Amino acid sequence: MTLEELYKFLGGDYDEVMSRLSDENMIKKLLIMFPDDPSYSNLCIALKYGDMKGAHLAAESLLGTCKNLGFLTLAKCLSDVAEAIKKGPGNVGDWMMSVLGSEYESTVYLVKKYTGKS
């Protein structure tokens, strides 16, 4: 799989990322680090324990990473969750986290497959 194909599978913006970072090796270095980012896990734990401030910080951190890497589909899911978190604990539905979880796991799987970290 090429980097451009990875972005196509992820619903990402390959051209935008290449225009900003200009180097496939730099993008690959950032991709290698993505699965180890603790933000998604921190988000889930914070929500489990009702820590809305921690959940917001984790969501925003992961959202920034996704935007930087051009993961548009995952970024959209995270943006929806971050907005719901701002509105309060009862606004983050199980379905919303299920959609986010599915998209996150799919992204991690494809990134690992591309980088050879599986």
C-alpha atoms as a PDB file:
ATOM      1  CA  MET A   1       0.000   0.000   0.000  1.00  0.00           C
ATOM      2  CA  THR A   2       1.287   3.455  -0.850  1.00  0.00           C
ATOM      3  CA  LEU A   3       0.916   6.481   1.400  1.00  0.00           C
ATOM      4  CA  GLU A   4      -1.604   7.957  -1.006  1.00  0.00           C
ATOM      5  CA  GLU A   5      -3.645   4.725  -0.902  1.00  0.00           C
ATOM      6  CA  LEU A   6      -3.562   4.772   2.898  1.00  0.00           C
ATOM      7  CA  TYR A   7      -5.044   8.258   2.894  1.00  0.00           C
ATOM      8  CA  LYS A   8      -7.707   7.188   0.425  1.00  0.00           C
ATOM      9  CA  PHE A   9      -8.714   4.260   2.694  1.00  0.00           C
ATOM     10  CA  LEU A  10      -8.765   6.559   5.728  1.00  0.00           C
ATOM     11  CA  GLY A  11     -10.835   9.267   4.077  1.00  0.00           C
ATOM     12  CA  GLY A  12      -7.858  11.542   4.581  1.00  0.00           C
ATOM     13  CA  ASP A  13      -6.446  14.477   2.685  1.00  0.00           C
ATOM     14  CA  TYR A  14      -3.144  13.260   1.245  1.00  0.00           C
ATOM     15  CA  ASP A  15      -2.601  16.348  -0.936  1.00  0.00           C
ATOM     16  CA  GLU A  16      -3.105  18.768   1.963  1.00  0.00           C
ATOM     17  CA  VAL A  17      -0.739  16.844   4.227  1.00  0.00           C
ATOM     18  CA  MET A  18       1.895  16.627   1.477  1.00  0.00           C
ATOM     19  CA  SER A  19       1.574  20.360   0.798  1.00  0.00           C
ATOM     20  CA  ARG A  20       2.238  21.112   4.476  1.00  0.00           C
ATOM     21  CA  LEU A  21       4.812  18.477   5.378  1.00  0.00           C
ATOM     22  CA  SER A  22       6.315  17.986   1.871  1.00  0.00           C
ATOM     23  CA  ASP A  23       8.064  14.756   2.767  1.00  0.00           C
ATOM     24  CA  GLU A  24       6.679  11.228   2.830  1.00  0.00           C
ATOM     25  CA  ASN A  25       9.407  10.160   5.281  1.00  0.00           C
ATOM     26  CA  MET A  26       8.298  12.847   7.751  1.00  0.00           C
ATOM     27  CA  ILE A  27       4.678  11.758   7.386  1.00  0.00           C
ATOM     28  CA  LYS A  28       5.665   8.133   7.931  1.00  0.00           C
ATOM     29  CA  LYS A  29       7.545   9.087  11.140  1.00  0.00           C
ATOM     30  CA  LEU A  30       4.396  10.793  12.423  1.00  0.00           C
ATOM     31  CA  LEU A  31       2.247   7.838  11.381  1.00  0.00           C
ATOM     32  CA  ILE A  32       4.501   5.408  13.266  1.00  0.00           C
ATOM     33  CA  MET A  33       3.851   7.371  16.482  1.00  0.00           C
ATOM     34  CA  PHE A  34       0.065   7.584  16.033  1.00  0.00           C
ATOM     35  CA  PRO A  35      -0.928   4.147  17.439  1.00  0.00           C
ATOM     36  CA  ASP A  36       1.059   4.850  20.622  1.00  0.00           C
ATOM     37  CA  ASP A  37      -0.644   8.190  21.303  1.00  0.00           C
ATOM     38  CA  PRO A  38      -2.517   7.722  24.614  1.00  0.00           C
ATOM     39  CA  SER A  39      -5.179  10.355  23.858  1.00  0.00           C
ATOM     40  CA  TYR A  40      -7.921   7.942  22.758  1.00  0.00           C
ATOM     41  CA  SER A  41      -7.408   5.727  25.799  1.00  0.00           C
ATOM     42  CA  ASN A  42      -7.316   8.814  28.043  1.00  0.00           C
ATOM     43  CA  LEU A  43     -10.576  10.015  26.484  1.00  0.00           C
ATOM     44  CA  CYS A  44     -12.340   6.718  27.144  1.00  0.00           C
ATOM     45  CA  ILE A  45     -11.077   6.510  30.733  1.00  0.00           C
ATOM     46  CA  ALA A  46     -12.001  10.117  31.485  1.00  0.00           C
ATOM     47  CA  LEU A  47     -15.524   9.585  30.142  1.00  0.00           C
ATOM     48  CA  LYS A  48     -15.897   6.362  32.134  1.00  0.00           C
ATOM     49  CA  TYR A  49     -15.133   8.240  35.346  1.00  0.00           C
ATOM     50  CA  GLY A  50     -17.059  11.406  34.473  1.00  0.00           C
ATOM     51  CA  ASP A  51     -13.944  13.552  34.177  1.00  0.00           C
ATOM     52  CA  MET A  52     -15.263  15.939  31.547  1.00  0.00           C
ATOM     53  CA  LYS A  53     -12.256  18.249  31.711  1.00  0.00           C
ATOM     54  CA  GLY A  54      -9.890  15.316  31.135  1.00  0.00           C
ATOM     55  CA  ALA A  55     -12.151  13.982  28.382  1.00  0.00           C
ATOM     56  CA  HIS A  56     -12.179  17.365  26.668  1.00  0.00           C
ATOM     57  CA  LEU A  57      -8.391  17.682  26.848  1.00  0.00           C
ATOM     58  CA  ALA A  58      -7.895  14.162  25.479  1.00  0.00           C
ATOM     59  CA  ALA A  59     -10.416  14.699  22.670  1.00  0.00           C
ATOM     60  CA  GLU A  60      -8.826  18.005  21.673  1.00  0.00           C
ATOM     61  CA  SER A  61      -5.337  16.501  21.773  1.00  0.00           C
ATOM     62  CA  LEU A  62      -6.325  13.603  19.527  1.00  0.00           C
ATOM     63  CA  LEU A  63      -8.302  15.946  17.287  1.00  0.00           C
ATOM     64  CA  GLY A  64      -5.205  18.105  16.779  1.00  0.00           C
ATOM     65  CA  THR A  65      -3.138  15.054  15.894  1.00  0.00           C
ATOM     66  CA  CYS A  66      -5.767  13.842  13.427  1.00  0.00           C
ATOM     67  CA  LYS A  67      -6.033  17.242  11.773  1.00  0.00           C
ATOM     68  CA  ASN A  68      -2.245  17.469  11.524  1.00  0.00           C
ATOM     69  CA  LEU A  69      -2.107  14.033   9.906  1.00  0.00           C
ATOM     70  CA  GLY A  70      -5.075  14.791   7.632  1.00  0.00           C
ATOM     71  CA  PHE A  71      -7.330  12.046   9.035  1.00  0.00           C
ATOM     72  CA  LEU A  72     -10.522  13.871   8.102  1.00  0.00           C
ATOM     73  CA  THR A  73     -13.047  11.131   8.856  1.00  0.00           C
ATOM     74  CA  LEU A  74     -11.628  10.425  12.309  1.00  0.00           C
ATOM     75  CA  ALA A  75     -11.281  14.159  12.960  1.00  0.00           C
ATOM     76  CA  LYS A  76     -14.989  14.654  12.175  1.00  0.00           C
ATOM     77  CA  CYS A  77     -15.960  11.937  14.677  1.00  0.00           C
ATOM     78  CA  LEU A  78     -13.700  13.497  17.303  1.00  0.00           C
ATOM     79  CA  SER A  79     -15.058  16.957  16.631  1.00  0.00           C
ATOM     80  CA  ASP A  80     -18.596  15.685  17.258  1.00  0.00           C
ATOM     81  CA  VAL A  81     -17.489  14.045  20.518  1.00  0.00           C
ATOM     82  CA  ALA A  82     -15.587  17.165  21.639  1.00  0.00           C
ATOM     83  CA  GLU A  83     -18.675  19.314  21.019  1.00  0.00           C
ATOM     84  CA  ALA A  84     -20.855  16.887  22.973  1.00  0.00           C
ATOM     85  CA  ILE A  85     -18.345  16.901  25.849  1.00  0.00           C
ATOM     86  CA  LYS A  86     -18.565  20.706  26.036  1.00  0.00           C
ATOM     87  CA  LYS A  87     -22.327  20.396  26.506  1.00  0.00           C
ATOM     88  CA  GLY A  88     -21.966  18.092  29.504  1.00  0.00           C
ATOM     89  CA  PRO A  89     -21.759  14.443  30.572  1.00  0.00           C
ATOM     90  CA  GLY A  90     -25.170  13.356  29.318  1.00  0.00           C
ATOM     91  CA  ASN A  91     -24.476  14.507  25.778  1.00  0.00           C
ATOM     92  CA  VAL A  92     -21.849  11.906  24.847  1.00  0.00           C
ATOM     93  CA  GLY A  93     -23.945   8.951  23.765  1.00  0.00           C
ATOM     94  CA  ASP A  94     -22.856   5.337  23.556  1.00  0.00           C
ATOM     95  CA  TRP A  95     -23.570   5.375  19.819  1.00  0.00           C
ATOM     96  CA  MET A  96     -21.261   8.379  19.394  1.00  0.00           C
ATOM     97  CA  MET A  97     -18.427   6.613  21.192  1.00  0.00           C
ATOM     98  CA  SER A  98     -19.136   3.437  19.248  1.00  0.00           C
ATOM     99  CA  VAL A  99     -18.758   5.276  15.942  1.00  0.00           C
ATOM    100  CA  LEU A 100     -15.601   6.986  17.198  1.00  0.00           C
ATOM    101  CA  GLY A 101     -14.182   3.707  18.491  1.00  0.00           C
ATOM    102  CA  SER A 102     -14.811   1.929  15.220  1.00  0.00           C
ATOM    103  CA  GLU A 103     -13.218   4.720  13.189  1.00  0.00           C
ATOM    104  CA  TYR A 104     -10.261   4.958  15.573  1.00  0.00           C
ATOM    105  CA  GLU A 105      -9.592   1.204  15.518  1.00  0.00           C
ATOM    106  CA  SER A 106      -9.841   1.129  11.740  1.00  0.00           C
ATOM    107  CA  THR A 107      -7.401   4.027  11.470  1.00  0.00           C
ATOM    108  CA  VAL A 108      -4.914   2.401  13.858  1.00  0.00           C
ATOM    109  CA  TYR A 109      -5.173  -0.900  11.986  1.00  0.00           C
ATOM    110  CA  LEU A 110      -4.487   0.706   8.606  1.00  0.00           C
ATOM    111  CA  VAL A 111      -1.663   2.859   9.958  1.00  0.00           C
ATOM    112  CA  LYS A 112      -0.014  -0.183  11.531  1.00  0.00           C
ATOM    113  CA  LYS A 113      -0.444  -2.121   8.308  1.00  0.00           C
ATOM    114  CA  TYR A 114       1.149   0.706   6.317  1.00  0.00           C
ATOM    115  CA  THR A 115       4.038   1.268   8.744  1.00  0.00           C
ATOM    116  CA  GLY A 116       4.663  -2.433   9.360  1.00  0.00           C
ATOM    117  CA  LYS A 117       3.994  -2.108  13.099  1.00  0.00           C
ATOM    118  CA  SER A 118       1.281  -4.763  13.234  1.00  0.00           C
END
